[in-house]
């Protein structure tokens, strides 16, 4: 991945974390990595754990950023979320998957769209 794409992703994740904190979420982890994949942000919204996938783009040339969260990506996120829940003995906690879609303009302004409870735990992985 190019340095420009890495920087774009990091900027989007920083904006998303700030957005979540403004909404009253507590950030528990960022870039939680396991061999099966990564979750951008793990947060707490009240008593609910929230696994957040952040997608950032500079144009709509390839569609809305959230459209990149395919069923394959959902399955990957599900595997990593289950790993996190299991390792932290949180399998009995309510949890959900949110997607934060960010479109960055050339002038630095960001259009942030937060899609709560965007998909269910993917099956068949």
N, C-alpha and C. Protein backbone atom coordinates (compact mmCIF):
# COMPACT_ATOMS: atom_id res chain seq x y z
N UNK A 1 0.86 -1.18 0.00
CA UNK A 1 0.00 0.00 0.00
C UNK A 1 0.90 1.24 0.00
N UNK A 2 0.52 2.23 -0.76
CA UNK A 2 1.33 3.44 -0.87
C UNK A 2 1.25 4.27 0.41
N UNK A 3 2.25 5.09 0.60
CA UNK A 3 2.29 5.96 1.78
C UNK A 3 1.10 6.92 1.79
N UNK A 4 0.69 7.39 0.61
CA UNK A 4 -0.46 8.30 0.51
C UNK A 4 -1.73 7.61 1.00
N UNK A 5 -1.92 6.35 0.62
CA UNK A 5 -3.12 5.61 1.06
C UNK A 5 -3.08 5.34 2.55
N UNK A 6 -1.89 5.03 3.06
CA UNK A 6 -1.74 4.80 4.50
C UNK A 6 -2.09 6.08 5.26
N UNK A 7 -1.57 7.21 4.79
CA UNK A 7 -1.86 8.49 5.45
C UNK A 7 -3.33 8.86 5.37
N UNK A 8 -3.97 8.57 4.23
CA UNK A 8 -5.40 8.83 4.07
C UNK A 8 -6.20 8.00 5.08
N UNK A 9 -5.85 6.73 5.19
CA UNK A 9 -6.54 5.86 6.14
C UNK A 9 -6.35 6.31 7.57
N UNK A 10 -5.13 6.70 7.93
CA UNK A 10 -4.85 7.17 9.29
C UNK A 10 -5.63 8.44 9.59
N UNK A 11 -5.67 9.35 8.62
CA UNK A 11 -6.44 10.60 8.81
C UNK A 11 -7.91 10.28 9.03
N UNK A 12 -8.45 9.37 8.23
CA UNK A 12 -9.84 8.98 8.40
C UNK A 12 -10.10 8.35 9.76
N UNK A 13 -9.20 7.48 10.21
CA UNK A 13 -9.38 6.84 11.51
C UNK A 13 -9.31 7.87 12.64
N UNK A 14 -8.42 8.85 12.52
CA UNK A 14 -8.34 9.91 13.53
C UNK A 14 -9.64 10.72 13.57
N UNK A 15 -10.17 11.06 12.40
CA UNK A 15 -11.45 11.79 12.33
C UNK A 15 -12.59 10.95 12.92
N UNK A 16 -12.59 9.67 12.62
CA UNK A 16 -13.64 8.78 13.12
C UNK A 16 -13.58 8.67 14.64
N UNK A 17 -12.38 8.50 15.19
CA UNK A 17 -12.23 8.40 16.64
C UNK A 17 -12.71 9.69 17.32
N UNK A 18 -12.35 10.83 16.75
CA UNK A 18 -12.80 12.11 17.28
C UNK A 18 -14.33 12.22 17.23
N UNK A 19 -14.91 11.81 16.12
CA UNK A 19 -16.37 11.82 15.95
C UNK A 19 -17.04 10.96 17.03
N UNK A 20 -16.50 9.77 17.25
CA UNK A 20 -17.09 8.87 18.25
C UNK A 20 -16.98 9.46 19.66
N UNK A 21 -15.83 10.05 19.97
CA UNK A 21 -15.67 10.65 21.29
C UNK A 21 -16.64 11.81 21.49
N UNK A 22 -16.89 12.59 20.42
CA UNK A 22 -17.87 13.68 20.52
C UNK A 22 -19.27 13.15 20.80
N UNK A 23 -19.54 11.93 20.36
CA UNK A 23 -20.84 11.30 20.61
C UNK A 23 -20.91 10.64 21.98
N UNK A 24 -19.80 10.67 22.72
CA UNK A 24 -19.79 10.09 24.06
C UNK A 24 -19.26 8.67 24.13
N UNK A 25 -18.75 8.14 23.03
CA UNK A 25 -18.17 6.80 23.03
C UNK A 25 -16.82 6.84 23.75
N UNK A 26 -16.45 5.73 24.35
CA UNK A 26 -15.10 5.56 24.89
C UNK A 26 -14.32 4.69 23.91
N UNK A 27 -13.13 5.13 23.55
CA UNK A 27 -12.30 4.35 22.63
C UNK A 27 -11.50 3.36 23.46
N UNK A 28 -11.67 2.07 23.18
CA UNK A 28 -10.97 1.02 23.92
C UNK A 28 -9.70 0.58 23.21
N UNK A 29 -9.72 0.56 21.89
CA UNK A 29 -8.55 0.12 21.12
C UNK A 29 -8.64 0.68 19.71
N UNK A 30 -7.47 0.87 19.13
CA UNK A 30 -7.39 1.27 17.73
C UNK A 30 -6.45 0.31 17.03
N UNK A 31 -6.81 -0.04 15.81
CA UNK A 31 -5.99 -0.94 14.99
C UNK A 31 -5.71 -2.26 15.71
N UNK A 32 -6.77 -2.88 16.21
CA UNK A 32 -6.65 -4.18 16.87
C UNK A 32 -6.37 -5.23 15.80
N UNK A 33 -5.17 -5.81 15.85
CA UNK A 33 -4.73 -6.74 14.81
C UNK A 33 -4.60 -8.16 15.33
N UNK A 34 -5.06 -9.07 14.51
CA UNK A 34 -4.84 -10.50 14.71
C UNK A 34 -4.45 -11.06 13.36
N UNK A 35 -4.03 -12.32 13.34
CA UNK A 35 -3.60 -12.89 12.06
C UNK A 35 -4.73 -12.95 11.04
N UNK A 36 -5.98 -12.92 11.51
CA UNK A 36 -7.13 -12.99 10.59
C UNK A 36 -7.56 -11.63 10.07
N UNK A 37 -7.00 -10.54 10.62
CA UNK A 37 -7.38 -9.22 10.13
C UNK A 37 -7.24 -8.16 11.21
N UNK A 38 -7.89 -7.04 10.97
CA UNK A 38 -7.78 -5.87 11.85
C UNK A 38 -9.13 -5.18 11.98
N UNK A 39 -9.36 -4.63 13.16
CA UNK A 39 -10.51 -3.77 13.39
C UNK A 39 -9.96 -2.37 13.67
N UNK A 40 -10.47 -1.39 12.95
CA UNK A 40 -9.94 -0.03 13.05
C UNK A 40 -10.12 0.56 14.44
N UNK A 41 -11.33 0.48 14.96
CA UNK A 41 -11.62 1.07 16.28
C UNK A 41 -12.55 0.14 17.04
N UNK A 42 -12.23 -0.07 18.31
CA UNK A 42 -13.14 -0.77 19.22
C UNK A 42 -13.51 0.25 20.28
N UNK A 43 -14.81 0.45 20.45
CA UNK A 43 -15.30 1.49 21.36
C UNK A 43 -16.42 0.94 22.23
N UNK A 44 -16.77 1.72 23.23
CA UNK A 44 -17.91 1.39 24.07
C UNK A 44 -18.91 2.53 23.96
N UNK A 45 -20.16 2.15 23.68
CA UNK A 45 -21.28 3.09 23.63
C UNK A 45 -22.26 2.64 24.69
N UNK A 46 -22.17 3.24 25.87
CA UNK A 46 -22.97 2.76 27.00
C UNK A 46 -22.51 1.38 27.39
N UNK A 47 -23.44 0.42 27.38
CA UNK A 47 -23.07 -0.95 27.74
C UNK A 47 -22.75 -1.81 26.52
N UNK A 48 -22.70 -1.22 25.34
CA UNK A 48 -22.50 -1.95 24.09
C UNK A 48 -21.07 -1.76 23.57
N UNK A 49 -20.42 -2.88 23.22
CA UNK A 49 -19.14 -2.81 22.54
C UNK A 49 -19.40 -2.55 21.06
N UNK A 50 -18.61 -1.68 20.47
CA UNK A 50 -18.82 -1.30 19.08
C UNK A 50 -17.52 -1.54 18.31
N UNK A 51 -17.62 -2.38 17.29
CA UNK A 51 -16.49 -2.65 16.39
C UNK A 51 -16.70 -1.79 15.16
N UNK A 52 -15.75 -0.90 14.92
CA UNK A 52 -15.93 0.13 13.89
C UNK A 52 -14.95 -0.06 12.74
N UNK A 53 -15.49 -0.14 11.54
CA UNK A 53 -14.69 -0.15 10.32
C UNK A 53 -14.77 1.25 9.72
N UNK A 54 -13.62 1.83 9.42
CA UNK A 54 -13.55 3.18 8.87
C UNK A 54 -13.11 3.08 7.41
N UNK A 55 -13.86 3.70 6.52
CA UNK A 55 -13.51 3.75 5.11
C UNK A 55 -13.41 5.21 4.69
N UNK A 56 -12.27 5.58 4.13
CA UNK A 56 -12.02 6.96 3.76
C UNK A 56 -11.65 7.04 2.28
N UNK A 57 -12.25 7.99 1.60
CA UNK A 57 -11.93 8.23 0.18
C UNK A 57 -11.84 9.72 -0.08
N UNK A 58 -11.21 10.04 -1.20
CA UNK A 58 -11.08 11.44 -1.60
C UNK A 58 -12.05 11.80 -2.73
N UNK A 59 -12.70 10.78 -3.29
CA UNK A 59 -13.69 11.04 -4.34
C UNK A 59 -14.70 9.91 -4.35
N UNK A 60 -15.75 10.12 -5.12
CA UNK A 60 -16.78 9.08 -5.26
C UNK A 60 -16.58 8.26 -6.54
N UNK A 61 -15.40 8.36 -7.11
CA UNK A 61 -15.10 7.66 -8.37
C UNK A 61 -15.41 6.16 -8.29
N UNK A 62 -15.14 5.57 -7.12
CA UNK A 62 -15.40 4.14 -6.94
C UNK A 62 -16.58 3.90 -6.01
N UNK A 63 -17.45 4.88 -5.86
CA UNK A 63 -18.63 4.74 -5.02
C UNK A 63 -18.42 5.31 -3.63
N UNK A 64 -19.44 5.19 -2.82
CA UNK A 64 -19.37 5.66 -1.44
C UNK A 64 -18.36 4.82 -0.67
N UNK A 65 -17.65 5.41 0.27
CA UNK A 65 -16.66 4.64 1.03
C UNK A 65 -17.25 3.40 1.71
N UNK A 66 -18.45 3.51 2.28
CA UNK A 66 -19.04 2.39 3.00
C UNK A 66 -19.32 1.19 2.10
N UNK A 67 -19.42 1.43 0.79
CA UNK A 67 -19.70 0.33 -0.14
C UNK A 67 -18.53 -0.66 -0.22
N UNK A 68 -17.38 -0.29 0.31
CA UNK A 68 -16.22 -1.18 0.31
C UNK A 68 -16.28 -2.22 1.42
N UNK A 69 -17.28 -2.12 2.30
CA UNK A 69 -17.42 -3.11 3.36
C UNK A 69 -18.29 -4.25 2.81
N UNK A 70 -17.64 -5.12 2.08
CA UNK A 70 -18.29 -6.24 1.41
C UNK A 70 -18.61 -7.36 2.39
N UNK A 71 -19.34 -8.36 1.94
CA UNK A 71 -19.63 -9.51 2.80
C UNK A 71 -18.34 -10.22 3.21
N UNK A 72 -17.35 -10.24 2.33
CA UNK A 72 -16.05 -10.83 2.69
C UNK A 72 -15.40 -10.04 3.82
N UNK A 73 -15.45 -8.71 3.74
CA UNK A 73 -14.89 -7.86 4.78
C UNK A 73 -15.67 -8.03 6.08
N UNK A 74 -16.99 -8.16 5.99
CA UNK A 74 -17.82 -8.37 7.17
C UNK A 74 -17.44 -9.67 7.87
N UNK A 75 -17.18 -10.72 7.11
CA UNK A 75 -16.77 -12.00 7.69
C UNK A 75 -15.42 -11.86 8.39
N UNK A 76 -14.51 -11.13 7.77
CA UNK A 76 -13.19 -10.91 8.37
C UNK A 76 -13.33 -10.14 9.69
N UNK A 77 -14.13 -9.07 9.67
CA UNK A 77 -14.35 -8.28 10.88
C UNK A 77 -15.00 -9.13 11.97
N UNK A 78 -15.92 -9.98 11.58
CA UNK A 78 -16.59 -10.87 12.54
C UNK A 78 -15.59 -11.79 13.22
N UNK A 79 -14.67 -12.36 12.46
CA UNK A 79 -13.65 -13.26 13.04
C UNK A 79 -12.79 -12.51 14.06
N UNK A 80 -12.36 -11.32 13.70
CA UNK A 80 -11.50 -10.55 14.60
C UNK A 80 -12.28 -10.11 15.84
N UNK A 81 -13.53 -9.71 15.66
CA UNK A 81 -14.37 -9.30 16.80
C UNK A 81 -14.56 -10.46 17.77
N UNK A 82 -14.84 -11.65 17.24
CA UNK A 82 -15.01 -12.82 18.11
C UNK A 82 -13.72 -13.13 18.86
N UNK A 83 -12.59 -12.96 18.20
CA UNK A 83 -11.31 -13.15 18.85
C UNK A 83 -11.16 -12.17 20.02
N UNK A 84 -11.47 -10.90 19.77
CA UNK A 84 -11.37 -9.87 20.81
C UNK A 84 -12.29 -10.20 21.98
N UNK A 85 -13.53 -10.53 21.69
CA UNK A 85 -14.50 -10.86 22.73
C UNK A 85 -14.05 -12.06 23.55
N UNK A 86 -13.55 -13.06 22.88
CA UNK A 86 -13.10 -14.28 23.54
C UNK A 86 -11.88 -14.02 24.42
N UNK A 87 -10.88 -13.35 23.87
CA UNK A 87 -9.65 -13.06 24.63
C UNK A 87 -9.91 -12.21 25.86
N UNK A 88 -10.91 -11.35 25.78
CA UNK A 88 -11.22 -10.44 26.87
C UNK A 88 -12.40 -10.90 27.73
N UNK A 89 -12.84 -12.14 27.51
CA UNK A 89 -13.95 -12.74 28.27
C UNK A 89 -15.18 -11.83 28.27
N UNK A 90 -15.54 -11.38 27.05
CA UNK A 90 -16.66 -10.46 26.88
C UNK A 90 -17.76 -11.04 25.98
N UNK A 91 -17.77 -12.36 25.83
CA UNK A 91 -18.74 -12.97 24.91
C UNK A 91 -20.19 -12.73 25.31
N UNK A 92 -20.42 -12.37 26.57
CA UNK A 92 -21.80 -12.12 27.03
C UNK A 92 -22.20 -10.65 26.90
N UNK A 93 -21.31 -9.81 26.39
CA UNK A 93 -21.58 -8.38 26.24
C UNK A 93 -22.36 -8.09 24.95
N UNK A 94 -23.30 -7.14 25.00
CA UNK A 94 -23.91 -6.71 23.75
C UNK A 94 -22.85 -6.05 22.87
N UNK A 95 -22.91 -6.33 21.57
CA UNK A 95 -21.93 -5.78 20.64
C UNK A 95 -22.60 -5.51 19.31
N UNK A 96 -21.99 -4.61 18.54
CA UNK A 96 -22.51 -4.30 17.21
C UNK A 96 -21.36 -3.87 16.32
N UNK A 97 -21.65 -3.82 15.02
CA UNK A 97 -20.68 -3.38 14.02
C UNK A 97 -21.18 -2.07 13.41
N UNK A 98 -20.35 -1.03 13.50
CA UNK A 98 -20.64 0.25 12.88
C UNK A 98 -19.64 0.47 11.74
N UNK A 99 -20.07 1.24 10.75
CA UNK A 99 -19.16 1.68 9.69
C UNK A 99 -19.17 3.20 9.69
N UNK A 100 -17.98 3.77 9.62
CA UNK A 100 -17.87 5.22 9.46
C UNK A 100 -17.27 5.47 8.09
N UNK A 101 -18.03 6.18 7.27
CA UNK A 101 -17.68 6.47 5.89
C UNK A 101 -17.27 7.93 5.81
N UNK A 102 -16.05 8.18 5.32
CA UNK A 102 -15.52 9.53 5.29
C UNK A 102 -15.11 9.90 3.87
N UNK A 103 -15.60 11.03 3.43
CA UNK A 103 -15.21 11.59 2.13
C UNK A 103 -14.45 12.88 2.41
N UNK A 104 -13.16 12.89 2.05
CA UNK A 104 -12.31 14.05 2.29
C UNK A 104 -12.23 14.92 1.05
N UNK A 105 -12.54 16.19 1.21
CA UNK A 105 -12.44 17.15 0.11
C UNK A 105 -11.01 17.66 0.00
N UNK A 106 -10.68 18.21 -1.15
CA UNK A 106 -9.34 18.76 -1.37
C UNK A 106 -8.99 19.87 -0.38
N UNK A 107 -10.01 20.59 0.10
CA UNK A 107 -9.76 21.68 1.04
C UNK A 107 -9.61 21.19 2.49
N UNK A 108 -9.65 19.86 2.68
CA UNK A 108 -9.46 19.28 4.01
C UNK A 108 -10.74 19.04 4.78
N UNK A 109 -11.86 19.53 4.26
CA UNK A 109 -13.14 19.29 4.94
C UNK A 109 -13.53 17.82 4.78
N UNK A 110 -14.20 17.31 5.80
CA UNK A 110 -14.59 15.90 5.80
C UNK A 110 -16.10 15.76 5.93
N UNK A 111 -16.66 14.91 5.10
CA UNK A 111 -18.06 14.53 5.20
C UNK A 111 -18.07 13.16 5.88
N UNK A 112 -18.55 13.12 7.13
CA UNK A 112 -18.53 11.90 7.92
C UNK A 112 -19.94 11.34 8.02
N UNK A 113 -20.09 10.09 7.62
CA UNK A 113 -21.37 9.40 7.72
C UNK A 113 -21.17 8.19 8.63
N UNK A 114 -21.90 8.18 9.75
CA UNK A 114 -21.79 7.10 10.74
C UNK A 114 -22.99 6.19 10.56
N UNK A 115 -22.71 4.93 10.26
CA UNK A 115 -23.77 3.93 10.05
C UNK A 115 -23.74 2.94 11.20
N UNK A 116 -24.54 3.18 12.26
CA UNK A 116 -24.54 2.27 13.40
C UNK A 116 -25.24 0.95 13.08
N UNK A 117 -24.76 -0.10 13.74
CA UNK A 117 -25.36 -1.43 13.61
C UNK A 117 -25.54 -1.80 12.14
N UNK A 118 -24.49 -1.61 11.39
CA UNK A 118 -24.52 -1.70 9.93
C UNK A 118 -24.70 -3.13 9.42
N UNK A 119 -24.19 -4.11 10.15
CA UNK A 119 -24.37 -5.51 9.76
C UNK A 119 -24.30 -6.40 10.98
N UNK A 120 -24.81 -7.60 10.84
CA UNK A 120 -24.80 -8.59 11.91
C UNK A 120 -23.53 -9.42 11.83
N UNK A 121 -23.25 -10.14 12.89
CA UNK A 121 -22.12 -11.06 12.89
C UNK A 121 -22.24 -11.96 11.67
N UNK A 122 -21.23 -11.94 10.85
CA UNK A 122 -21.27 -12.73 9.61
C UNK A 122 -21.12 -14.21 9.94
N UNK A 123 -21.84 -15.02 9.24
CA UNK A 123 -21.75 -16.46 9.47
C UNK A 123 -21.02 -17.11 8.29
N UNK A 124 -20.68 -18.35 8.47
CA UNK A 124 -20.07 -19.10 7.39
C UNK A 124 -18.59 -18.83 7.22
N UNK A 125 -17.92 -18.44 8.27
CA UNK A 125 -16.47 -18.25 8.14
C UNK A 125 -15.81 -19.31 8.93
